[in-house]
Amino acid sequence: TVSLFLQLSYVDAEGNPIGVVQMTFLRLLSAAARQNMTYNCYQSVAWYDQEQDNYDKAIRFLGSND
C-alpha cells in the first residue's frame, strides 16, 4: 500500500493564492460545490479495482472541514 498525501492549493484568476479565510467563507456561504479533476498515472487504479472488485486503491479526498 502506498500512501501519499498532497495538499491542493487554489489561486484566483491572476494567479494569486486564495487564503484560508476566503475559502472558509466560500464554504460557509455555499450550499453545494463542484470541482473537476483529472488524474493521469500510467497503469494505476484511481477509483475502482475491477480485478479485486473493491475500492481499496481509490483516491480519497478530505475537505477543509474533515
N, C-alpha and C. Protein backbone atom coordinates (compact mmCIF):
# COMPACT_ATOMS: atom_id res chain seq x y z
N THR A 1 0.83 -1.18 0.00
CA THR A 1 0.00 0.00 0.00
C THR A 1 0.88 1.24 0.00
N VAL A 2 0.61 2.13 -0.90
CA VAL A 2 1.34 3.39 -0.98
C VAL A 2 0.43 4.49 -0.48
N SER A 3 0.92 5.26 0.48
CA SER A 3 0.16 6.40 0.98
C SER A 3 0.92 7.67 0.63
N LEU A 4 0.26 8.54 -0.07
CA LEU A 4 0.85 9.81 -0.47
C LEU A 4 -0.16 10.89 -0.17
N PHE A 5 0.24 11.87 0.59
CA PHE A 5 -0.66 12.95 0.96
C PHE A 5 -0.20 14.23 0.29
N LEU A 6 -1.06 14.82 -0.49
CA LEU A 6 -0.78 16.08 -1.16
C LEU A 6 -1.83 17.09 -0.76
N GLN A 7 -1.42 18.31 -0.56
CA GLN A 7 -2.37 19.37 -0.24
C GLN A 7 -2.57 20.21 -1.49
N LEU A 8 -3.82 20.36 -1.88
CA LEU A 8 -4.15 21.18 -3.03
C LEU A 8 -4.18 22.64 -2.62
N SER A 9 -3.82 23.51 -3.53
CA SER A 9 -3.92 24.94 -3.26
C SER A 9 -4.71 25.57 -4.41
N TYR A 10 -5.29 26.70 -4.13
CA TYR A 10 -6.13 27.38 -5.10
C TYR A 10 -5.61 28.78 -5.34
N VAL A 11 -5.76 29.25 -6.58
CA VAL A 11 -5.35 30.60 -6.95
C VAL A 11 -6.50 31.29 -7.65
N ASP A 12 -6.48 32.63 -7.65
CA ASP A 12 -7.52 33.39 -8.34
C ASP A 12 -7.15 33.53 -9.81
N ALA A 13 -7.93 34.30 -10.55
CA ALA A 13 -7.73 34.45 -11.99
C ALA A 13 -6.37 35.05 -12.34
N GLU A 14 -5.79 35.83 -11.41
CA GLU A 14 -4.48 36.45 -11.65
C GLU A 14 -3.33 35.57 -11.16
N GLY A 15 -3.64 34.43 -10.59
CA GLY A 15 -2.61 33.53 -10.11
C GLY A 15 -2.20 33.76 -8.67
N ASN A 16 -2.91 34.64 -7.96
CA ASN A 16 -2.62 34.90 -6.55
C ASN A 16 -3.26 33.83 -5.68
N PRO A 17 -2.57 33.37 -4.65
CA PRO A 17 -3.15 32.34 -3.78
C PRO A 17 -4.40 32.83 -3.07
N ILE A 18 -5.36 31.94 -2.93
CA ILE A 18 -6.58 32.23 -2.18
C ILE A 18 -6.36 31.75 -0.75
N GLY A 19 -6.60 32.63 0.19
CA GLY A 19 -6.32 32.34 1.59
C GLY A 19 -7.36 31.44 2.24
N VAL A 20 -6.99 30.90 3.38
CA VAL A 20 -7.86 30.00 4.15
C VAL A 20 -9.14 30.70 4.56
N VAL A 21 -9.05 31.96 4.97
CA VAL A 21 -10.24 32.70 5.41
C VAL A 21 -11.24 32.84 4.27
N GLN A 22 -10.76 33.19 3.08
CA GLN A 22 -11.65 33.34 1.93
C GLN A 22 -12.29 32.00 1.58
N MET A 23 -11.54 30.92 1.61
CA MET A 23 -12.10 29.60 1.32
C MET A 23 -13.12 29.19 2.37
N THR A 24 -12.88 29.53 3.63
CA THR A 24 -13.82 29.21 4.70
C THR A 24 -15.14 29.93 4.49
N PHE A 25 -15.08 31.23 4.17
CA PHE A 25 -16.31 31.98 3.92
C PHE A 25 -17.05 31.42 2.70
N LEU A 26 -16.33 31.07 1.67
CA LEU A 26 -16.95 30.48 0.49
C LEU A 26 -17.67 29.19 0.85
N ARG A 27 -17.03 28.37 1.67
CA ARG A 27 -17.65 27.11 2.10
C ARG A 27 -18.90 27.37 2.93
N LEU A 28 -18.83 28.33 3.84
CA LEU A 28 -19.97 28.62 4.72
C LEU A 28 -21.15 29.22 3.96
N LEU A 29 -20.88 29.96 2.90
CA LEU A 29 -21.94 30.63 2.15
C LEU A 29 -22.47 29.80 0.99
N SER A 30 -21.93 28.62 0.79
CA SER A 30 -22.33 27.78 -0.34
C SER A 30 -23.09 26.56 0.13
N ALA A 31 -24.16 26.24 -0.59
CA ALA A 31 -24.93 25.04 -0.28
C ALA A 31 -24.36 23.82 -1.00
N ALA A 32 -23.70 24.04 -2.13
CA ALA A 32 -23.15 22.94 -2.91
C ALA A 32 -21.94 23.45 -3.69
N ALA A 33 -21.10 22.52 -4.11
CA ALA A 33 -19.93 22.88 -4.91
C ALA A 33 -19.62 21.73 -5.85
N ARG A 34 -18.90 22.06 -6.90
CA ARG A 34 -18.49 21.06 -7.87
C ARG A 34 -17.10 21.41 -8.35
N GLN A 35 -16.27 20.39 -8.51
CA GLN A 35 -14.91 20.61 -8.97
C GLN A 35 -14.52 19.45 -9.87
N ASN A 36 -13.93 19.75 -10.99
CA ASN A 36 -13.44 18.72 -11.90
C ASN A 36 -11.94 18.55 -11.69
N MET A 37 -11.52 17.30 -11.64
CA MET A 37 -10.10 16.98 -11.52
C MET A 37 -9.76 15.91 -12.54
N THR A 38 -8.55 15.95 -13.02
CA THR A 38 -8.06 14.94 -13.94
C THR A 38 -6.89 14.21 -13.30
N TYR A 39 -6.96 12.90 -13.28
CA TYR A 39 -5.90 12.07 -12.70
C TYR A 39 -5.27 11.28 -13.83
N ASN A 40 -3.98 11.45 -14.05
CA ASN A 40 -3.26 10.71 -15.07
C ASN A 40 -2.07 10.02 -14.44
N CYS A 41 -2.11 8.71 -14.40
CA CYS A 41 -0.98 7.94 -13.90
C CYS A 41 -0.99 6.59 -14.62
N TYR A 42 0.06 6.29 -15.33
CA TYR A 42 0.13 5.11 -16.17
C TYR A 42 -0.05 3.82 -15.37
N GLN A 43 -0.95 2.97 -15.81
CA GLN A 43 -1.22 1.65 -15.23
C GLN A 43 -1.47 1.71 -13.72
N SER A 44 -2.34 2.60 -13.31
CA SER A 44 -2.68 2.68 -11.89
C SER A 44 -4.19 2.72 -11.74
N VAL A 45 -4.63 2.38 -10.56
CA VAL A 45 -6.05 2.39 -10.24
C VAL A 45 -6.34 3.68 -9.50
N ALA A 46 -7.34 4.39 -9.96
CA ALA A 46 -7.67 5.66 -9.31
C ALA A 46 -9.07 5.64 -8.70
N TRP A 47 -9.83 4.62 -8.96
CA TRP A 47 -11.18 4.59 -8.41
C TRP A 47 -11.58 3.17 -8.06
N TYR A 48 -11.96 2.40 -9.01
CA TYR A 48 -12.49 1.06 -8.76
C TYR A 48 -11.53 0.03 -9.32
N ASP A 49 -11.11 -0.93 -8.49
CA ASP A 49 -10.22 -2.00 -8.92
C ASP A 49 -11.08 -3.17 -9.40
N GLN A 50 -11.22 -3.28 -10.70
CA GLN A 50 -12.10 -4.29 -11.28
C GLN A 50 -11.58 -5.71 -11.00
N GLU A 51 -10.27 -5.90 -11.01
CA GLU A 51 -9.72 -7.23 -10.76
C GLU A 51 -10.00 -7.70 -9.34
N GLN A 52 -9.89 -6.81 -8.38
CA GLN A 52 -10.13 -7.16 -6.97
C GLN A 52 -11.57 -6.89 -6.53
N ASP A 53 -12.34 -6.25 -7.39
CA ASP A 53 -13.74 -5.92 -7.11
C ASP A 53 -13.87 -5.13 -5.80
N ASN A 54 -13.04 -4.08 -5.66
CA ASN A 54 -13.13 -3.25 -4.45
C ASN A 54 -12.63 -1.83 -4.74
N TYR A 55 -12.72 -0.99 -3.72
CA TYR A 55 -12.28 0.40 -3.81
C TYR A 55 -11.06 0.66 -2.91
N ASP A 56 -10.32 -0.37 -2.55
CA ASP A 56 -9.19 -0.23 -1.64
C ASP A 56 -8.10 0.71 -2.17
N LYS A 57 -7.97 0.82 -3.47
CA LYS A 57 -6.94 1.67 -4.07
C LYS A 57 -7.51 2.99 -4.58
N ALA A 58 -8.66 3.36 -4.09
CA ALA A 58 -9.30 4.59 -4.55
C ALA A 58 -8.57 5.82 -4.05
N ILE A 59 -8.66 6.89 -4.80
CA ILE A 59 -8.16 8.18 -4.35
C ILE A 59 -9.17 8.72 -3.35
N ARG A 60 -8.67 9.20 -2.23
CA ARG A 60 -9.56 9.73 -1.20
C ARG A 60 -9.25 11.20 -0.98
N PHE A 61 -10.30 11.99 -0.89
CA PHE A 61 -10.15 13.42 -0.67
C PHE A 61 -10.74 13.80 0.67
N LEU A 62 -10.08 14.69 1.37
CA LEU A 62 -10.60 15.25 2.61
C LEU A 62 -10.90 16.72 2.35
N GLY A 63 -12.06 17.16 2.79
CA GLY A 63 -12.40 18.57 2.68
C GLY A 63 -11.80 19.35 3.83
N SER A 64 -11.88 20.65 3.74
CA SER A 64 -11.31 21.50 4.79
C SER A 64 -12.00 21.32 6.13
N ASN A 65 -13.20 20.77 6.11
CA ASN A 65 -13.93 20.55 7.37
C ASN A 65 -13.84 19.10 7.85
N ASP A 66 -12.99 18.28 7.24
CA ASP A 66 -12.81 16.88 7.65
C ASP A 66 -11.67 16.74 8.64
